[in-house]
N, C-alpha and C. Protein backbone atom coordinates (compact mmCIF):
# COMPACT_ATOMS: atom_id res chain seq x y z
N UNK A 1 -119.42 -5.72 -36.54
CA UNK A 1 -118.12 -6.79 -37.11
C UNK A 1 -116.92 -6.26 -38.16
N UNK A 2 -115.75 -7.28 -37.96
CA UNK A 2 -114.51 -5.82 -38.70
C UNK A 2 -114.60 -6.25 -40.28
N UNK A 3 -114.09 -5.01 -40.83
CA UNK A 3 -114.13 -5.21 -42.14
C UNK A 3 -112.72 -5.67 -43.17
N UNK A 4 -113.16 -6.12 -44.06
CA UNK A 4 -111.67 -6.88 -44.39
C UNK A 4 -110.73 -6.14 -44.35
N UNK A 5 -110.70 -4.36 -44.91
CA UNK A 5 -109.58 -3.24 -45.14
C UNK A 5 -108.98 -3.50 -42.95
N UNK A 6 -109.78 -2.98 -42.78
CA UNK A 6 -109.39 -3.19 -40.81
C UNK A 6 -109.20 -4.12 -40.44
N UNK A 7 -109.06 -5.89 -41.23
CA UNK A 7 -107.97 -6.54 -41.18
C UNK A 7 -107.46 -6.74 -40.96
N UNK A 8 -107.13 -5.82 -42.28
CA UNK A 8 -105.59 -6.66 -43.08
C UNK A 8 -104.63 -5.53 -42.39
N UNK A 9 -105.18 -4.10 -41.97
CA UNK A 9 -104.41 -3.59 -41.29
C UNK A 9 -103.98 -3.87 -40.17
N UNK A 10 -104.91 -4.07 -39.27
CA UNK A 10 -104.50 -5.31 -38.11
C UNK A 10 -103.05 -6.13 -38.80
N UNK A 11 -103.73 -6.62 -39.40
CA UNK A 11 -102.03 -7.52 -39.93
C UNK A 11 -101.39 -7.72 -39.77
N UNK A 12 -100.88 -6.56 -41.12
CA UNK A 12 -100.61 -5.69 -41.55
C UNK A 12 -99.52 -4.96 -40.63
N UNK A 13 -100.16 -4.66 -39.11
CA UNK A 13 -98.98 -3.31 -37.62
C UNK A 13 -99.04 -4.52 -37.25
N UNK A 14 -99.45 -6.08 -37.16
CA UNK A 14 -98.81 -7.29 -36.11
C UNK A 14 -97.38 -7.93 -36.86
N UNK A 15 -97.56 -7.45 -38.30
CA UNK A 15 -96.28 -8.30 -38.24
C UNK A 15 -95.47 -7.09 -38.16
N UNK A 16 -95.21 -5.95 -38.76
CA UNK A 16 -94.70 -5.27 -38.73
C UNK A 16 -93.91 -4.91 -36.94
N UNK A 17 -94.88 -4.83 -36.33
CA UNK A 17 -94.34 -5.12 -34.74
C UNK A 17 -93.40 -6.30 -34.85
N UNK A 18 -93.66 -6.74 -34.97
CA UNK A 18 -92.95 -8.52 -35.00
C UNK A 18 -91.56 -7.86 -35.51
N UNK A 19 -91.99 -7.99 -36.82
CA UNK A 19 -90.28 -7.75 -37.34
C UNK A 19 -89.57 -7.05 -36.66
N UNK A 20 -89.70 -5.43 -36.08
CA UNK A 20 -89.31 -4.72 -35.56
C UNK A 20 -89.11 -5.16 -34.18
N UNK A 21 -89.30 -6.07 -33.43
CA UNK A 21 -88.92 -6.63 -32.26
C UNK A 21 -87.83 -7.82 -32.32
N UNK A 22 -87.99 -8.53 -33.76
CA UNK A 22 -86.83 -9.49 -34.13
C UNK A 22 -87.37 -10.28 -34.18
N UNK A 23 -88.96 -10.79 -33.98
CA UNK A 23 -89.59 -12.21 -33.86
C UNK A 23 -89.67 -12.88 -34.69
N UNK A 24 -89.73 -11.81 -36.02
CA UNK A 24 -90.54 -12.58 -37.20
C UNK A 24 -89.65 -11.71 -38.41
N UNK A 25 -89.20 -12.80 -39.43
CA UNK A 25 -88.12 -11.85 -40.82
C UNK A 25 -89.50 -12.70 -42.21
N UNK A 26 -88.79 -11.57 -43.03
CA UNK A 26 -89.89 -11.99 -43.92
C UNK A 26 -88.78 -12.32 -45.00
N UNK A 27 -89.13 -13.91 -45.85
CA UNK A 27 -88.43 -14.95 -46.39
C UNK A 27 -88.47 -14.33 -48.09
N UNK A 28 -89.27 -13.60 -48.50
CA UNK A 28 -89.84 -13.89 -49.58
C UNK A 28 -91.54 -12.55 -49.27
N UNK A 29 -92.17 -12.17 -50.93
CA UNK A 29 -92.98 -11.48 -50.45
C UNK A 29 -94.13 -12.27 -50.12
N UNK A 30 -95.09 -12.11 -48.59
CA UNK A 30 -96.19 -12.70 -48.53
C UNK A 30 -95.88 -13.94 -47.33
N UNK A 31 -94.71 -14.42 -47.34
CA UNK A 31 -93.79 -15.56 -46.54
C UNK A 31 -92.86 -15.14 -45.31
N UNK A 32 -93.15 -15.78 -43.95
CA UNK A 32 -92.20 -15.14 -43.21
C UNK A 32 -91.62 -15.65 -42.06
N UNK A 33 -90.79 -16.05 -41.59
CA UNK A 33 -90.38 -17.05 -40.80
C UNK A 33 -90.10 -16.86 -39.48
N UNK A 34 -90.44 -17.31 -38.13
CA UNK A 34 -90.59 -17.11 -37.23
C UNK A 34 -88.76 -17.57 -36.85
N UNK A 35 -88.33 -16.28 -36.21
CA UNK A 35 -86.89 -16.43 -36.02
C UNK A 35 -86.38 -16.83 -34.74
N UNK A 36 -85.36 -16.91 -34.33
CA UNK A 36 -84.61 -17.85 -32.96
C UNK A 36 -85.42 -17.27 -31.75
N UNK A 37 -84.86 -15.50 -32.29
CA UNK A 37 -86.04 -14.48 -30.54
C UNK A 37 -87.45 -15.27 -30.29
N UNK A 38 -88.23 -15.29 -31.82
CA UNK A 38 -89.64 -15.49 -31.81
C UNK A 38 -89.58 -16.86 -31.74
N UNK A 39 -89.24 -18.04 -31.62
CA UNK A 39 -89.28 -19.18 -31.44
C UNK A 39 -88.77 -19.43 -29.57
N UNK A 40 -88.12 -18.00 -29.31
CA UNK A 40 -87.61 -18.39 -27.43
C UNK A 40 -89.19 -18.22 -26.81
N UNK A 41 -89.60 -17.52 -27.72
CA UNK A 41 -90.48 -16.74 -26.51
C UNK A 41 -91.70 -17.51 -26.79
N UNK A 42 -92.42 -18.44 -27.93
CA UNK A 42 -93.05 -19.09 -27.68
C UNK A 42 -92.98 -20.28 -27.05
N UNK A 43 -91.97 -20.33 -26.59
CA UNK A 43 -91.68 -21.58 -26.15
C UNK A 43 -91.83 -21.22 -24.82
N UNK A 44 -91.76 -19.49 -24.25
CA UNK A 44 -91.80 -19.47 -22.88
C UNK A 44 -93.51 -19.35 -22.75
N UNK A 45 -94.07 -19.34 -23.50
CA UNK A 45 -95.46 -19.27 -23.59
C UNK A 45 -96.99 -18.07 -23.01
N UNK A 46 -95.71 -17.09 -23.13
CA UNK A 46 -96.34 -15.86 -22.62
C UNK A 46 -98.27 -15.46 -22.62
N UNK A 47 -98.88 -15.28 -22.02
CA UNK A 47 -100.29 -14.53 -22.07
C UNK A 47 -100.56 -13.70 -23.32
N UNK A 48 -99.90 -13.12 -23.15
CA UNK A 48 -99.78 -12.25 -24.36
C UNK A 48 -98.97 -11.38 -24.94
N UNK A 49 -99.01 -11.51 -26.79
CA UNK A 49 -97.98 -10.92 -26.50
C UNK A 49 -98.57 -8.95 -27.60
N UNK A 50 -97.95 -8.18 -26.76
CA UNK A 50 -98.65 -7.23 -27.12
C UNK A 50 -98.24 -6.27 -26.81
N UNK A 51 -97.97 -4.94 -27.50
CA UNK A 51 -96.45 -3.56 -27.33
C UNK A 51 -96.43 -3.61 -26.09
N UNK A 52 -96.74 -3.49 -25.46
CA UNK A 52 -96.27 -3.94 -23.82
C UNK A 52 -95.25 -4.87 -23.57
N UNK A 53 -95.38 -6.06 -23.77
CA UNK A 53 -94.51 -7.16 -23.95
C UNK A 53 -93.54 -6.84 -25.38
N UNK A 54 -94.20 -6.27 -26.44
CA UNK A 54 -92.65 -6.35 -27.22
C UNK A 54 -91.87 -4.60 -26.42
N UNK A 55 -91.68 -4.10 -26.37
CA UNK A 55 -90.91 -3.53 -25.16
C UNK A 55 -89.85 -3.09 -24.31
N UNK A 56 -89.91 -5.20 -24.62
CA UNK A 56 -88.50 -5.57 -23.91
C UNK A 56 -87.22 -5.19 -24.59
N UNK A 57 -87.96 -5.42 -26.16
CA UNK A 57 -86.60 -5.62 -26.82
C UNK A 57 -86.21 -3.76 -27.57
N UNK A 58 -84.38 -3.57 -27.32
CA UNK A 58 -84.25 -2.43 -27.56
C UNK A 58 -84.52 -1.49 -29.20
N UNK A 59 -85.02 -2.90 -29.78
CA UNK A 59 -85.26 -2.69 -31.34
C UNK A 59 -86.87 -1.99 -31.48
N UNK A 60 -87.73 -2.41 -30.78
CA UNK A 60 -88.95 -1.98 -31.02
C UNK A 60 -88.78 -0.77 -29.89
N UNK A 61 -88.25 -0.49 -29.09
CA UNK A 61 -88.28 0.60 -28.58
C UNK A 61 -87.94 2.06 -29.81
N UNK A 62 -86.71 1.50 -30.09
CA UNK A 62 -86.30 2.98 -30.62
C UNK A 62 -87.43 3.10 -32.40
N UNK A 63 -87.53 1.93 -32.93
CA UNK A 63 -88.85 1.90 -33.52
C UNK A 63 -89.80 2.53 -33.23
N UNK A 64 -90.38 2.56 -32.16
CA UNK A 64 -91.56 2.92 -31.69
C UNK A 64 -91.65 4.96 -30.96
N UNK A 65 -89.74 5.41 -30.57
CA UNK A 65 -89.40 6.65 -30.50
C UNK A 65 -89.68 7.01 -32.04
N UNK A 66 -88.63 6.09 -32.89
CA UNK A 66 -88.70 7.52 -34.47
C UNK A 66 -89.95 7.30 -35.33
N UNK A 67 -91.38 6.59 -34.83
CA UNK A 67 -92.44 6.69 -35.82
C UNK A 67 -93.27 7.61 -34.57
N UNK A 68 -93.16 7.88 -33.10
CA UNK A 68 -93.29 9.27 -32.92
C UNK A 68 -93.06 9.75 -33.22
N UNK A 69 -91.64 10.45 -33.59
CA UNK A 69 -90.85 11.93 -33.83
C UNK A 69 -91.90 12.05 -35.05
N UNK A 70 -91.91 11.81 -36.23
CA UNK A 70 -92.48 11.30 -37.76
C UNK A 70 -94.13 11.81 -37.24
N UNK A 71 -95.01 11.06 -36.54
CA UNK A 71 -96.09 11.43 -36.05
C UNK A 71 -95.84 12.81 -35.79
N UNK A 72 -95.53 12.76 -34.67
CA UNK A 72 -95.12 14.45 -34.26
C UNK A 72 -94.68 15.60 -35.62
N UNK A 73 -93.79 15.13 -36.26
CA UNK A 73 -93.60 16.10 -36.72
C UNK A 73 -94.57 16.36 -38.03
N UNK A 74 -95.70 15.31 -38.25
CA UNK A 74 -96.13 15.57 -38.94
C UNK A 74 -97.59 15.82 -38.67
N UNK A 75 -98.01 15.97 -37.36
CA UNK A 75 -98.97 17.19 -36.59
C UNK A 75 -98.96 17.94 -36.44
N UNK A 76 -97.58 18.26 -36.73
CA UNK A 76 -97.23 19.45 -36.43
C UNK A 76 -97.15 20.75 -37.86
N UNK A 77 -97.12 19.57 -38.68
CA UNK A 77 -96.88 20.53 -40.10
C UNK A 77 -98.17 20.43 -40.70
N UNK A 78 -98.79 19.85 -40.27
CA UNK A 78 -100.73 19.74 -40.27
C UNK A 78 -101.34 20.95 -39.87
N UNK A 79 -100.88 21.40 -38.93
CA UNK A 79 -101.46 22.19 -37.56
C UNK A 79 -101.15 23.47 -38.20
N UNK A 80 -100.24 23.91 -38.89
CA UNK A 80 -99.33 24.93 -39.49
C UNK A 80 -100.03 25.13 -40.66
N UNK A 81 -100.10 24.12 -40.88
CA UNK A 81 -101.03 24.25 -42.52
C UNK A 81 -102.05 24.88 -42.66
N UNK A 82 -103.41 24.36 -41.63
CA UNK A 82 -104.35 24.68 -40.52
C UNK A 82 -104.60 26.21 -40.11
N UNK A 83 -103.29 26.29 -39.12
CA UNK A 83 -103.75 27.38 -38.92
C UNK A 83 -103.43 29.10 -39.86
N UNK A 84 -104.64 29.50 -39.08
CA UNK A 84 -105.11 30.46 -39.67
C UNK A 84 -104.49 31.55 -38.52
N UNK A 85 -104.64 33.31 -40.12
CA UNK A 85 -103.77 34.24 -39.59
C UNK A 85 -104.31 34.91 -37.98
N UNK A 86 -105.52 34.20 -38.00
CA UNK A 86 -105.61 35.00 -36.75
C UNK A 86 -105.55 34.04 -35.03
N UNK A 87 -105.02 32.49 -35.57
CA UNK A 87 -104.28 31.65 -34.48
C UNK A 87 -103.14 32.60 -33.86
N UNK A 88 -103.15 31.95 -33.16
CA UNK A 88 -101.94 31.93 -31.78
C UNK A 88 -100.92 30.28 -32.05
N UNK A 89 -99.62 30.66 -31.72
CA UNK A 89 -99.03 29.38 -31.22
C UNK A 89 -98.84 29.58 -29.79
N UNK A 90 -99.26 28.21 -29.31
CA UNK A 90 -99.04 27.89 -28.11
C UNK A 90 -97.53 27.19 -27.73
N UNK A 91 -96.60 28.12 -26.80
CA UNK A 91 -94.89 27.99 -26.85
C UNK A 91 -94.98 27.23 -25.66
C-alpha cells in the first residue's frame, strides 16, 4: 500500500514534469490549468504520458539536463565529504 507521503511526492513530481513540458500551468497556489499544448496532447489520446513521452519537448529535455547536472554535482560533493584520507580518487 502506498503511503500518503509517497502519493504526495508522486503527485508533485507529475505536476512538475507536466509544467516543465509546457502541458500544465499554475494559475494560483494549488490550482492548475491544462495549456493549449496539453489539450492538443490529450486530443491525440496517447496510451501513456511518461518521461519518455515528455522528452519530445525541448523544454523538458533541458530541464532534465540541468537536473542531472545538479544531481551529479551534489553527488560529487557528498563523495568528497565522505572520502577518508586513505581513499583514492578514480579519474
